[in-house]
C-alpha atoms as a PDB file:
ATOM      1  CA  UNK A   1     107.936 113.829  85.353  1.00  0.00           C
ATOM      2  CA  UNK A   2     111.638 113.270  86.011  1.00  0.00           C
ATOM      3  CA  UNK A   3     113.291 110.519  84.010  1.00  0.00           C
ATOM      4  CA  UNK A   4     113.974 107.474  86.183  1.00  0.00           C
ATOM      5  CA  UNK A   5     117.570 106.490  86.875  1.00  0.00           C
ATOM      6  CA  UNK A   6     118.947 103.547  84.891  1.00  0.00           C
ATOM      7  CA  UNK A   7     118.484 101.336  87.957  1.00  0.00           C
ATOM      8  CA  UNK A   8     114.874 102.444  88.448  1.00  0.00           C
ATOM      9  CA  UNK A   9     114.110 102.081  84.737  1.00  0.00           C
ATOM     10  CA  UNK A  10     115.486  98.537  84.805  1.00  0.00           C
ATOM     11  CA  UNK A  11     113.292  97.715  87.791  1.00  0.00           C
ATOM     12  CA  UNK A  12     110.210  99.038  85.991  1.00  0.00           C
ATOM     13  CA  UNK A  13     110.977  96.855  82.986  1.00  0.00           C
ATOM     14  CA  UNK A  14     111.168  93.832  85.272  1.00  0.00           C
ATOM     15  CA  UNK A  15     107.767  94.719  86.694  1.00  0.00           C
ATOM     16  CA  UNK A  16     106.395  95.251  83.198  1.00  0.00           C
ATOM     17  CA  UNK A  17     107.516  91.751  82.246  1.00  0.00           C
ATOM     18  CA  UNK A  18     105.819  90.287  85.322  1.00  0.00           C
ATOM     19  CA  UNK A  19     102.564  92.074  84.610  1.00  0.00           C
ATOM     20  CA  UNK A  20     102.532  90.877  81.027  1.00  0.00           C
ATOM     21  CA  UNK A  21     103.461  87.331  82.024  1.00  0.00           C
ATOM     22  CA  UNK A  22     100.272  87.164  84.071  1.00  0.00           C
ATOM     23  CA  UNK A  23      98.008  89.587  82.211  1.00  0.00           C
ATOM     24  CA  UNK A  24      98.707  89.406  78.512  1.00  0.00           C
ATOM     25  CA  UNK A  25      95.740  91.215  76.995  1.00  0.00           C
ATOM     26  CA  UNK A  26      92.780  93.437  77.789  1.00  0.00           C
ATOM     27  CA  UNK A  27      92.350  96.344  80.129  1.00  0.00           C
ATOM     28  CA  UNK A  28      94.728  96.098  83.091  1.00  0.00           C
ATOM     29  CA  UNK A  29      94.787  98.304  86.193  1.00  0.00           C
ATOM     30  CA  UNK A  30      97.917  98.472  88.336  1.00  0.00           C
ATOM     31  CA  UNK A  31      97.964 100.194  91.729  1.00  0.00           C
ATOM     32  CA  UNK A  32     101.129 101.688  93.217  1.00  0.00           C
ATOM     33  CA  UNK A  33     100.717 102.023  96.980  1.00  0.00           C
ATOM     34  CA  UNK A  34     103.025 102.680  99.902  1.00  0.00           C
ATOM     35  CA  UNK A  35     103.238 104.623 103.094  1.00  0.00           C
ATOM     36  CA  UNK A  36     102.773 108.378 102.560  1.00  0.00           C
ATOM     37  CA  UNK A  37     105.990 109.816 101.164  1.00  0.00           C
ATOM     38  CA  UNK A  38     107.087 106.562  99.518  1.00  0.00           C
ATOM     39  CA  UNK A  39     107.205 108.087  96.044  1.00  0.00           C
ATOM     40  CA  UNK A  40     104.175 106.347  94.600  1.00  0.00           C
ATOM     41  CA  UNK A  41     103.522 108.928  91.872  1.00  0.00           C
ATOM     42  CA  UNK A  42     107.090 108.829  90.557  1.00  0.00           C
ATOM     43  CA  UNK A  43     107.125 105.029  90.513  1.00  0.00           C
ATOM     44  CA  UNK A  44     103.731 104.945  88.787  1.00  0.00           C
ATOM     45  CA  UNK A  45     104.978 107.407  86.161  1.00  0.00           C
ATOM     46  CA  UNK A  46     108.096 105.314  85.576  1.00  0.00           C
ATOM     47  CA  UNK A  47     106.097 102.091  85.328  1.00  0.00           C
ATOM     48  CA  UNK A  48     103.688 103.621  82.812  1.00  0.00           C
ATOM     49  CA  UNK A  49     106.686 104.875  80.821  1.00  0.00           C
ATOM     50  CA  UNK A  50     108.140 101.355  80.770  1.00  0.00           C
ATOM     51  CA  UNK A  51     104.964 100.088  79.101  1.00  0.00           C
ATOM     52  CA  UNK A  52     104.803 103.032  76.728  1.00  0.00           C
ATOM     53  CA  UNK A  53     108.346 102.413  75.497  1.00  0.00           C
ATOM     54  CA  UNK A  54     107.087  99.083  74.175  1.00  0.00           C
ATOM     55  CA  UNK A  55     104.372 100.873  72.219  1.00  0.00           C
ATOM     56  CA  UNK A  56     101.586 100.033  74.663  1.00  0.00           C
ATOM     57  CA  UNK A  57      98.877 102.458  75.697  1.00  0.00           C
ATOM     58  CA  UNK A  58      99.670 103.331  79.322  1.00  0.00           C
ATOM     59  CA  UNK A  59      97.518 105.834  81.185  1.00  0.00           C
ATOM     60  CA  UNK A  60      97.980 107.458  84.584  1.00  0.00           C
ATOM     61  CA  UNK A  61      95.589 108.396  87.352  1.00  0.00           C
ATOM     62  CA  UNK A  62      96.073 109.455  90.946  1.00  0.00           C
ATOM     63  CA  UNK A  63      93.853 108.611  93.894  1.00  0.00           C
ATOM     64  CA  UNK A  64      94.614 112.095  95.231  1.00  0.00           C
ATOM     65  CA  UNK A  65      92.293 113.479  92.537  1.00  0.00           C
ATOM     66  CA  UNK A  66      89.413 111.507  94.050  1.00  0.00           C
ATOM     67  CA  UNK A  67      89.773 112.797  97.620  1.00  0.00           C
ATOM     68  CA  UNK A  68      86.722 114.617  98.975  1.00  0.00           C
ATOM     69  CA  UNK A  69      86.599 117.891 100.913  1.00  0.00           C
ATOM     70  CA  UNK A  70      87.195 116.041 104.160  1.00  0.00           C
ATOM     71  CA  UNK A  71      90.350 114.404 102.854  1.00  0.00           C
ATOM     72  CA  UNK A  72      88.841 110.948 102.355  1.00  0.00           C
ATOM     73  CA  UNK A  73      89.060 108.915  99.186  1.00  0.00           C
ATOM     74  CA  UNK A  74      85.724 108.855  97.364  1.00  0.00           C
ATOM     75  CA  UNK A  75      85.700 105.150  96.600  1.00  0.00           C
ATOM     76  CA  UNK A  76      82.377 105.331  94.776  1.00  0.00           C
ATOM     77  CA  UNK A  77      83.751 107.995  92.414  1.00  0.00           C
ATOM     78  CA  UNK A  78      86.854 105.888  91.752  1.00  0.00           C
ATOM     79  CA  UNK A  79      84.623 102.967  90.781  1.00  0.00           C
ATOM     80  CA  UNK A  80      82.043 104.925  88.793  1.00  0.00           C
ATOM     81  CA  UNK A  81      84.241 107.468  86.998  1.00  0.00           C
ATOM     82  CA  UNK A  82      87.457 105.541  86.481  1.00  0.00           C
ATOM     83  CA  UNK A  83      87.582 101.801  87.144  1.00  0.00           C
ATOM     84  CA  UNK A  84      84.257 100.475  85.866  1.00  0.00           C
ATOM     85  CA  UNK A  85      84.160 102.393  82.557  1.00  0.00           C
ATOM     86  CA  UNK A  86      87.836 101.660  81.918  1.00  0.00           C
ATOM     87  CA  UNK A  87      87.361  97.938  82.508  1.00  0.00           C
ATOM     88  CA  UNK A  88      84.154  97.719  80.488  1.00  0.00           C
ATOM     89  CA  UNK A  89      85.607  99.563  77.468  1.00  0.00           C
ATOM     90  CA  UNK A  90      82.555 101.816  77.627  1.00  0.00           C
ATOM     91  CA  UNK A  91      82.033 103.672  74.325  1.00  0.00           C
ATOM     92  CA  UNK A  92      81.504 106.835  76.369  1.00  0.00           C
ATOM     93  CA  UNK A  93      85.042 106.446  77.669  1.00  0.00           C
ATOM     94  CA  UNK A  94      86.300 107.049  81.182  1.00  0.00           C
ATOM     95  CA  UNK A  95      87.731 109.965  83.140  1.00  0.00           C
ATOM     96  CA  UNK A  96      91.154 109.955  84.757  1.00  0.00           C
ATOM     97  CA  UNK A  97      89.879 112.352  87.430  1.00  0.00           C
ATOM     98  CA  UNK A  98      86.451 113.707  88.427  1.00  0.00           C
ATOM     99  CA  UNK A  99      87.193 117.018  86.704  1.00  0.00           C
ATOM    100  CA  UNK A 100      88.682 115.543  83.514  1.00  0.00           C
ATOM    101  CA  UNK A 101      86.871 115.000  80.279  1.00  0.00           C
ATOM    102  CA  UNK A 102      86.231 111.597  78.767  1.00  0.00           C
ATOM    103  CA  UNK A 103      89.205 109.575  77.543  1.00  0.00           C
ATOM    104  CA  UNK A 104      89.209 106.508  75.329  1.00  0.00           C
ATOM    105  CA  UNK A 105      91.772 103.746  74.898  1.00  0.00           C
ATOM    106  CA  UNK A 106      92.227 100.620  72.787  1.00  0.00           C
ATOM    107  CA  UNK A 107      91.035  97.231  73.963  1.00  0.00           C
ATOM    108  CA  UNK A 108      94.522  96.414  75.264  1.00  0.00           C
ATOM    109  CA  UNK A 109      95.530  99.228  77.595  1.00  0.00           C
ATOM    110  CA  UNK A 110      97.152  99.713  80.974  1.00  0.00           C
ATOM    111  CA  UNK A 111      96.078 102.133  83.687  1.00  0.00           C
ATOM    112  CA  UNK A 112      98.491 102.872  86.543  1.00  0.00           C
ATOM    113  CA  UNK A 113      96.960 104.428  89.657  1.00  0.00           C
ATOM    114  CA  UNK A 114      99.069 105.838  92.480  1.00  0.00           C
ATOM    115  CA  UNK A 115      98.016 106.776  95.981  1.00  0.00           C
ATOM    116  CA  UNK A 116      97.978 106.117  99.696  1.00  0.00           C
ATOM    117  CA  UNK A 117      96.022 103.219 101.214  1.00  0.00           C
ATOM    118  CA  UNK A 118      95.056 101.616  97.890  1.00  0.00           C
ATOM    119  CA  UNK A 119      95.375  98.081  99.228  1.00  0.00           C
ATOM    120  CA  UNK A 120      92.701  98.232 101.877  1.00  0.00           C
ATOM    121  CA  UNK A 121      90.398  95.229 101.848  1.00  0.00           C
ATOM    122  CA  UNK A 122      87.729  97.470 100.302  1.00  0.00           C
ATOM    123  CA  UNK A 123      89.890  98.630  97.405  1.00  0.00           C
ATOM    124  CA  UNK A 124      92.303  95.839  96.530  1.00  0.00           C
ATOM    125  CA  UNK A 125      89.764  94.045  94.348  1.00  0.00           C
ATOM    126  CA  UNK A 126      89.754  97.015  91.963  1.00  0.00           C
ATOM    127  CA  UNK A 127      93.293  96.356  90.777  1.00  0.00           C
ATOM    128  CA  UNK A 128      94.582  93.543  88.566  1.00  0.00           C
ATOM    129  CA  UNK A 129      98.123  93.898  89.884  1.00  0.00           C
ATOM    130  CA  UNK A 130      99.771  96.035  92.565  1.00  0.00           C
ATOM    131  CA  UNK A 131     103.050  97.359  93.907  1.00  0.00           C
ATOM    132  CA  UNK A 132     103.813  98.170  97.541  1.00  0.00           C
ATOM    133  CA  UNK A 133     106.673 100.559  98.301  1.00  0.00           C
ATOM    134  CA  UNK A 134     108.588 100.325 101.552  1.00  0.00           C
ATOM    135  CA  UNK A 135     110.478 103.467 102.543  1.00  0.00           C
ATOM    136  CA  UNK A 136     112.441 104.367 105.658  1.00  0.00           C
ATOM    137  CA  UNK A 137     110.422 106.887 107.710  1.00  0.00           C
ATOM    138  CA  UNK A 138     113.237 109.469 107.575  1.00  0.00           C
ATOM    139  CA  UNK A 139     113.113 109.484 103.763  1.00  0.00           C
ATOM    140  CA  UNK A 140     109.316 109.341 103.635  1.00  0.00           C
ATOM    141  CA  UNK A 141     108.796 112.298 105.963  1.00  0.00           C
ATOM    142  CA  UNK A 142     111.505 114.277 104.183  1.00  0.00           C
ATOM    143  CA  UNK A 143     109.504 113.884 100.965  1.00  0.00           C
ATOM    144  CA  UNK A 144     106.279 114.851 102.711  1.00  0.00           C
ATOM    145  CA  UNK A 145     108.005 117.895 104.201  1.00  0.00           C
ATOM    146  CA  UNK A 146     109.244 118.950 100.765  1.00  0.00           C
ATOM    147  CA  UNK A 147     105.590 119.024  99.671  1.00  0.00           C
ATOM    148  CA  UNK A 148     104.559 120.931 102.807  1.00  0.00           C
ATOM    149  CA  UNK A 149     102.571 117.962 104.118  1.00  0.00           C
ATOM    150  CA  UNK A 150     104.534 117.050 107.238  1.00  0.00           C
ATOM    151  CA  UNK A 151     107.398 117.831 109.579  1.00  0.00           C
ATOM    152  CA  UNK A 152     110.651 116.251 108.349  1.00  0.00           C
ATOM    153  CA  UNK A 153     111.168 114.658 111.768  1.00  0.00           C
ATOM    154  CA  UNK A 154     109.269 111.343 111.728  1.00  0.00           C
ATOM    155  CA  UNK A 155     108.824 111.521 115.513  1.00  0.00           C
ATOM    156  CA  UNK A 156     107.378 115.053 115.536  1.00  0.00           C
ATOM    157  CA  UNK A 157     104.100 115.400 117.426  1.00  0.00           C
ATOM    158  CA  UNK A 158     102.534 116.986 114.351  1.00  0.00           C
ATOM    159  CA  UNK A 159     103.130 113.746 112.444  1.00  0.00           C
ATOM    160  CA  UNK A 160     101.180 111.614 114.901  1.00  0.00           C
ATOM    161  CA  UNK A 161      98.113 111.370 112.654  1.00  0.00           C
ATOM    162  CA  UNK A 162     100.188 110.052 109.747  1.00  0.00           C
ATOM    163  CA  UNK A 163     102.031 107.557 111.944  1.00  0.00           C
ATOM    164  CA  UNK A 164      98.773 106.324 113.464  1.00  0.00           C
ATOM    165  CA  UNK A 165      97.087 106.001 110.061  1.00  0.00           C
ATOM    166  CA  UNK A 166      99.979 103.955 108.684  1.00  0.00           C
ATOM    167  CA  UNK A 167     100.088 101.689 111.747  1.00  0.00           C
ATOM    168  CA  UNK A 168      96.338 101.123 111.548  1.00  0.00           C
ATOM    169  CA  UNK A 169      96.557 100.390 107.819  1.00  0.00           C
ATOM    170  CA  UNK A 170      99.289  97.823 108.305  1.00  0.00           C
ATOM    171  CA  UNK A 171      97.317  96.092 111.066  1.00  0.00           C
ATOM    172  CA  UNK A 172      93.975  96.043 109.288  1.00  0.00           C
ATOM    173  CA  UNK A 173      95.011  95.438 105.677  1.00  0.00           C
ATOM    174  CA  UNK A 174      98.570  94.046 105.668  1.00  0.00           C
ATOM    175  CA  UNK A 175      99.252  95.777 102.331  1.00  0.00           C
ATOM    176  CA  UNK A 176     102.717  94.299 101.864  1.00  0.00           C
ATOM    177  CA  UNK A 177     101.184  90.812 101.852  1.00  0.00           C
ATOM    178  CA  UNK A 178      98.384  91.861  99.494  1.00  0.00           C
ATOM    179  CA  UNK A 179     100.686  93.414  96.876  1.00  0.00           C
ATOM    180  CA  UNK A 180     101.858  91.582  93.778  1.00  0.00           C
ATOM    181  CA  UNK A 181     105.359  93.073  94.100  1.00  0.00           C
ATOM    182  CA  UNK A 182     107.299  94.699  96.948  1.00  0.00           C
ATOM    183  CA  UNK A 183     109.888  97.398  96.310  1.00  0.00           C
ATOM    184  CA  UNK A 184     112.261  99.051  98.785  1.00  0.00           C
ATOM    185  CA  UNK A 185     112.185 102.688  97.627  1.00  0.00           C
ATOM    186  CA  UNK A 186     114.091 104.609 100.292  1.00  0.00           C
ATOM    187  CA  UNK A 187     116.584 105.544  97.565  1.00  0.00           C
ATOM    188  CA  UNK A 188     114.455 106.134  94.456  1.00  0.00           C
ATOM    189  CA  UNK A 189     117.575 106.136  92.290  1.00  0.00           C
ATOM    190  CA  UNK A 190     118.298 102.571  93.357  1.00  0.00           C
ATOM    191  CA  UNK A 191     115.069 100.730  94.226  1.00  0.00           C
ATOM    192  CA  UNK A 192     115.455  97.113  95.254  1.00  0.00           C
ATOM    193  CA  UNK A 193     113.059  94.211  95.054  1.00  0.00           C
ATOM    194  CA  UNK A 194     111.893  92.504  98.239  1.00  0.00           C
ATOM    195  CA  UNK A 195     111.126  88.813  97.925  1.00  0.00           C
ATOM    196  CA  UNK A 196     109.577  86.398 100.375  1.00  0.00           C
ATOM    197  CA  UNK A 197     107.796  87.242 103.597  1.00  0.00           C
ATOM    198  CA  UNK A 198     108.178  90.828 104.699  1.00  0.00           C
ATOM    199  CA  UNK A 199     106.870  92.400 107.881  1.00  0.00           C
END
């Protein structure tokens, strides 16, 4: 994980304060969502680090580890392996991915999950708090291209499936309205908070 810039670290501390203002104790799950290429994993890492610097137990998981062979998120596995045992403080522990061994945590602990499409109507009830990242398509597709997942040109024909999936997601789930906090993350060194209605 790269260390966040001072501006990004400050933003994560603000989010940490908001989470703890509303959710003071117990097991808390925070989702970091955004359009593909929005930098969810880096933001989730930085947010977990902001909690850890206060001495809190902050764990990380990625929805990408729960994707099946056909590229779809295995929602049942997310519930059964990760969310339900984490929330219930099961003595058997919980697994941060289907292939990971059991992990335990104290009664007050935070789990930050990153991924795409985490704020669908089916999934949003799994999280206690959530972040939605807005990113300009040029920056988002550049990040996807760097990972070999897309053409850097947002308008490329090969990117049609991603564009269509994002448009469908926005129409069906309105993730920016469902999120607890909205962040403009086109420049990850200088994220900015979005307040009020955002379309």
